[in-house]
Amino acid sequence: MISLDEAVTARLESHGARFEVLIDPDAALAIKRDEFDGDLEAVIAAEDVFEDASRGDRPAENDLEKVFGTTDPMEIIPEVVKKGEIQITADQRREMQEQKRRSLINRIARNAVNPQMNDSPHPPERIERALEEAGFKIDPMEPVESQVDDALDALRPVLPIKFAEVTVAVQLPAEYAGSGQAQIRSYGDLEREEWQSDGSWVGVITFPAGMQNDFYDKVNNITSGTAETRIVKDEDDL
């Protein structure tokens, strides 16, 4: 379950009665779109249906039966969300908007590069400033994923930017290869790997181009700066 502070109220009025449930806002939107496939218990603040959630008042059981055909809260909660309205306070809206703004900036920074600077990554701070300059507004009621394309369209007039991937070959010395190669794999898609006769490990990995600085920092930290890396430009070089 989630805390009350994280929850929003979904409200349905039907047959002269009111029904309210407390649920995670993103989960509520997913349920409305028939896209929710998670554990309902994990995204609600109470396994209960209320007449007035702020006071803790509960509706009459016969009202539940009349409207939903059951008194089971876990069957009723999704129905209230699907058919009702999601109620959020001004503070909740601001908090949701800020969280999604940060998530959007980080998502773009992980995937985007500057095509005018040899596809170098854009720092998150630069993307944040450009979004402000472009006047782009985050919709707190929409998933971040569905706002990325609109954000890129807004950014392009003020910032040279594109989404790209990069493929990097890395060789880890034998003393770091055992534990290091597992960490390298987590960065993206491993195209190929090979253990050398001296115990070193060579891997070729493809990942979002905006993560290059983080990737090289990770490789240097793992190997104390002794690893070798090179960008693979052609599939024939794999």
Protein backbone atom coordinates (compact mmCIF):
# COMPACT_ATOMS: atom_id res chain seq x y z
CA MET A 1 0.00 0.00 0.00
CA ILE A 2 0.96 3.65 -0.41
CA SER A 3 0.78 6.44 2.14
CA LEU A 4 -2.13 8.87 2.31
CA ASP A 5 0.22 11.68 1.25
CA GLU A 6 0.93 9.87 -2.03
CA ALA A 7 -2.71 9.12 -2.82
CA VAL A 8 -5.35 11.04 -4.73
CA THR A 9 -9.09 10.60 -4.42
CA ALA A 10 -11.13 9.00 -7.20
CA ARG A 11 -14.82 9.82 -6.86
CA LEU A 12 -17.93 8.35 -8.46
CA GLU A 13 -21.47 9.57 -7.93
CA SER A 14 -24.20 7.14 -8.96
CA HIS A 15 -27.76 6.26 -7.94
CA GLY A 16 -27.83 9.18 -5.51
CA ALA A 17 -24.75 7.93 -3.62
CA ARG A 18 -21.07 8.94 -3.60
CA PHE A 19 -18.12 6.56 -3.58
CA GLU A 20 -14.49 7.53 -3.03
CA VAL A 21 -11.25 5.53 -3.07
CA LEU A 22 -7.63 6.51 -2.35
CA ILE A 23 -5.10 5.52 -4.98
CA ASP A 24 -1.75 6.36 -6.56
CA PRO A 25 -2.33 8.99 -9.30
CA ASP A 26 -0.31 7.22 -12.00
CA ALA A 27 -2.04 3.93 -11.28
CA ALA A 28 -5.42 5.67 -11.44
CA LEU A 29 -4.60 7.04 -14.90
CA ALA A 30 -3.41 3.61 -16.04
CA ILE A 31 -6.65 2.02 -14.82
CA LYS A 32 -8.68 4.63 -16.69
CA ARG A 33 -6.80 3.75 -19.88
CA ASP A 34 -7.13 -0.01 -19.30
CA GLU A 35 -3.33 -0.15 -19.12
CA PHE A 36 -2.88 -1.19 -15.48
CA ASP A 37 -1.43 -4.67 -14.99
CA GLY A 38 0.12 -4.30 -11.54
CA ASP A 39 -0.89 -5.29 -8.03
CA LEU A 40 -3.88 -3.18 -6.99
CA GLU A 41 -3.08 -3.56 -3.31
CA ALA A 42 0.32 -1.95 -3.89
CA VAL A 43 -1.15 1.28 -5.33
CA ILE A 44 -4.00 2.03 -2.91
CA ALA A 45 -3.87 3.80 0.44
CA ALA A 46 -6.80 1.88 1.93
CA GLU A 47 -8.50 -1.38 1.04
CA ASP A 48 -11.82 0.35 1.47
CA VAL A 49 -14.50 2.38 -0.29
CA PHE A 50 -15.66 5.62 1.31
CA GLU A 51 -18.61 7.95 1.03
CA ASP A 52 -16.28 10.75 2.17
CA ALA A 53 -12.61 9.73 2.34
CA SER A 54 -11.55 12.87 4.20
CA ARG A 55 -13.89 12.00 7.08
CA GLY A 56 -13.60 8.23 6.78
CA ASP A 57 -17.36 7.84 6.23
CA ARG A 58 -18.42 4.66 4.44
CA PRO A 59 -21.41 4.16 2.15
CA ALA A 60 -24.25 1.82 3.00
CA GLU A 61 -23.72 -1.78 1.90
CA ASN A 62 -26.99 -1.80 -0.02
CA ASP A 63 -25.70 1.17 -2.06
CA LEU A 64 -22.57 -0.79 -2.90
CA GLU A 65 -24.64 -3.80 -3.95
CA LYS A 66 -27.01 -1.64 -5.99
CA VAL A 67 -24.27 0.13 -7.95
CA PHE A 68 -21.50 -2.48 -8.16
CA GLY A 69 -23.21 -5.79 -7.43
CA THR A 70 -20.70 -6.52 -4.66
CA THR A 71 -19.35 -5.18 -1.39
CA ASP A 72 -15.77 -6.33 -2.08
CA PRO A 73 -13.56 -3.19 -2.08
CA MET A 74 -10.96 -4.76 -4.37
CA GLU A 75 -13.60 -5.26 -7.05
CA ILE A 76 -15.17 -1.85 -6.50
CA ILE A 77 -12.01 0.30 -6.43
CA PRO A 78 -11.14 -0.15 -10.15
CA GLU A 79 -14.75 0.57 -11.10
CA VAL A 80 -14.77 3.82 -9.13
CA VAL A 81 -11.53 4.86 -10.83
CA LYS A 82 -12.69 3.90 -14.35
CA LYS A 83 -16.14 5.50 -14.16
CA GLY A 84 -15.41 8.36 -11.77
CA GLU A 85 -13.22 11.46 -11.65
CA ILE A 86 -9.76 11.82 -10.17
CA GLN A 87 -9.68 14.58 -7.56
CA ILE A 88 -6.34 16.25 -6.81
CA THR A 89 -5.54 19.23 -4.63
CA ALA A 90 -3.45 22.17 -5.81
CA ASP A 91 -0.53 20.93 -3.69
CA GLN A 92 -0.83 17.43 -5.15
CA ARG A 93 -0.93 18.86 -8.67
CA ARG A 94 2.22 20.91 -8.05
CA GLU A 95 4.01 17.91 -6.54
CA MET A 96 3.00 15.61 -9.41
CA GLN A 97 4.05 18.24 -11.93
CA GLU A 98 7.47 18.66 -10.31
CA GLN A 99 8.07 14.91 -10.13
CA LYS A 100 7.16 14.46 -13.78
CA ARG A 101 9.24 17.46 -14.79
CA ARG A 102 12.31 15.90 -13.18
CA SER A 103 11.53 12.52 -14.70
CA LEU A 104 11.10 14.05 -18.15
CA ILE A 105 14.37 15.97 -17.93
CA ASN A 106 16.26 12.86 -16.82
CA ARG A 107 14.69 10.75 -19.55
CA ILE A 108 15.67 13.24 -22.24
CA ALA A 109 19.18 13.67 -20.81
CA ARG A 110 19.73 9.89 -20.86
CA ASN A 111 18.76 9.57 -24.51
CA ALA A 112 19.57 12.88 -26.21
CA VAL A 113 22.73 14.29 -27.75
CA ASN A 114 23.86 17.48 -29.48
CA PRO A 115 24.24 16.72 -33.23
CA GLN A 116 26.24 19.93 -33.66
CA MET A 117 28.87 18.84 -31.11
CA ASN A 118 29.78 15.34 -32.32
CA ASP A 119 26.74 13.84 -30.60
CA SER A 120 27.95 14.83 -27.15
CA PRO A 121 25.40 14.44 -24.32
CA HIS A 122 23.32 17.36 -23.09
CA PRO A 123 23.61 17.94 -19.30
CA PRO A 124 20.24 17.84 -17.51
CA GLU A 125 20.69 21.48 -16.49
CA ARG A 126 20.91 22.54 -20.14
CA ILE A 127 17.75 20.62 -21.00
CA GLU A 128 15.96 22.16 -18.01
CA ARG A 129 16.89 25.69 -19.09
CA ALA A 130 15.85 25.00 -22.68
CA LEU A 131 12.45 23.64 -21.61
CA GLU A 132 11.89 26.80 -19.59
CA GLU A 133 12.97 28.97 -22.54
CA ALA A 134 10.61 27.04 -24.82
CA GLY A 135 7.76 27.52 -22.35
CA PHE A 136 6.99 23.79 -22.22
CA LYS A 137 4.48 22.84 -19.53
CA ILE A 138 4.34 19.38 -18.00
CA ASP A 139 0.89 17.83 -17.74
CA PRO A 140 0.73 16.22 -14.28
CA MET A 141 -2.13 13.97 -15.39
CA GLU A 142 -0.30 12.41 -18.35
CA PRO A 143 2.45 9.77 -18.26
CA VAL A 144 5.96 11.10 -18.87
CA GLU A 145 6.39 8.71 -21.80
CA SER A 146 3.56 10.33 -23.72
CA GLN A 147 5.04 13.82 -23.25
CA VAL A 148 8.56 13.14 -24.51
CA ASP A 149 7.83 13.72 -28.20
CA ASP A 150 6.03 17.00 -27.49
CA ALA A 151 8.94 18.11 -25.30
CA LEU A 152 11.43 17.36 -28.09
CA ASP A 153 9.32 19.33 -30.57
CA ALA A 154 9.40 22.27 -28.16
CA LEU A 155 13.16 21.96 -27.58
CA ARG A 156 14.35 21.77 -31.19
CA PRO A 157 13.86 25.49 -31.99
CA VAL A 158 16.02 26.48 -29.01
CA LEU A 159 18.44 23.53 -28.68
CA PRO A 160 20.14 21.25 -31.23
CA ILE A 161 18.98 17.85 -30.01
CA LYS A 162 18.22 14.34 -31.18
CA PHE A 163 17.70 10.93 -29.61
CA ALA A 164 20.46 8.45 -30.44
CA GLU A 165 22.22 5.31 -29.30
CA VAL A 166 25.93 4.65 -29.13
CA THR A 167 27.84 1.39 -29.34
CA VAL A 168 31.04 1.13 -27.30
CA ALA A 169 33.65 -1.58 -27.10
CA VAL A 170 35.30 -1.89 -23.70
CA GLN A 171 38.14 -4.05 -22.45
CA LEU A 172 38.42 -4.71 -18.73
CA PRO A 173 41.77 -5.90 -17.34
CA ALA A 174 41.72 -9.36 -15.79
CA GLU A 175 41.78 -8.13 -12.19
CA TYR A 176 38.54 -6.19 -12.73
CA ALA A 177 36.82 -8.37 -15.31
CA GLY A 178 34.92 -10.73 -12.99
CA SER A 179 32.77 -8.24 -11.16
CA GLY A 180 33.14 -5.39 -13.65
CA GLN A 181 31.57 -7.08 -16.65
CA ALA A 182 28.32 -7.62 -14.75
CA GLN A 183 28.07 -3.87 -14.08
CA ILE A 184 28.85 -3.01 -17.70
CA ARG A 185 26.07 -5.32 -18.96
CA SER A 186 23.47 -3.35 -17.01
CA TYR A 187 24.00 -0.25 -19.16
CA GLY A 188 22.30 -1.54 -22.29
CA ASP A 189 22.25 -4.31 -24.89
CA LEU A 190 25.34 -6.49 -24.98
CA GLU A 191 26.14 -7.03 -28.67
CA ARG A 192 29.01 -9.44 -28.09
CA GLU A 193 31.56 -10.44 -25.47
CA GLU A 194 34.79 -12.37 -25.37
CA TRP A 195 37.12 -13.56 -22.63
CA GLN A 196 40.77 -13.12 -23.59
CA SER A 197 43.55 -15.60 -22.87
CA ASP A 198 45.04 -13.20 -20.30
CA GLY A 199 41.75 -13.16 -18.32
CA SER A 200 40.60 -9.77 -19.57
CA TRP A 201 37.05 -9.27 -20.83
CA VAL A 202 35.96 -7.50 -24.00
CA GLY A 203 32.36 -6.45 -24.44
CA VAL A 204 30.49 -4.43 -27.03
CA ILE A 205 27.43 -2.69 -25.63
CA THR A 206 24.77 -0.39 -27.10
CA PHE A 207 23.03 2.14 -24.86
CA PRO A 208 21.34 5.58 -25.03
CA ALA A 209 23.91 8.12 -26.19
CA GLY A 210 23.08 10.57 -23.43
CA MET A 211 24.49 8.09 -20.90
CA GLN A 212 28.02 8.22 -22.30
CA ASN A 213 29.54 10.34 -19.53
CA ASP A 214 27.99 8.15 -16.83
CA PHE A 215 29.19 5.04 -18.67
CA TYR A 216 32.79 6.20 -18.93
CA ASP A 217 32.76 7.31 -15.29
CA LYS A 218 31.51 3.88 -14.28
CA VAL A 219 34.16 2.09 -16.35
CA ASN A 220 36.92 4.27 -14.89
CA ASN A 221 35.67 3.73 -11.34
CA ILE A 222 35.50 -0.03 -11.83
CA THR A 223 39.02 -0.29 -13.24
CA SER A 224 40.80 2.68 -11.65
CA GLY A 225 41.17 4.17 -15.12
CA THR A 226 42.88 1.14 -16.67
CA ALA A 227 40.10 0.04 -19.05
CA GLU A 228 40.21 0.67 -22.78
CA THR A 229 37.15 1.92 -24.67
CA ARG A 230 36.32 2.94 -28.21
CA ILE A 231 33.13 3.92 -30.00
CA VAL A 232 32.07 1.43 -32.66
CA LYS A 233 30.87 3.29 -35.75
CA ASP A 234 30.30 0.38 -38.11
CA GLU A 235 28.67 -3.02 -37.61
CA ASP A 236 31.68 -4.57 -39.34
CA ASP A 237 33.76 -3.44 -36.37
CA LEU A 238 31.68 -5.42 -33.86
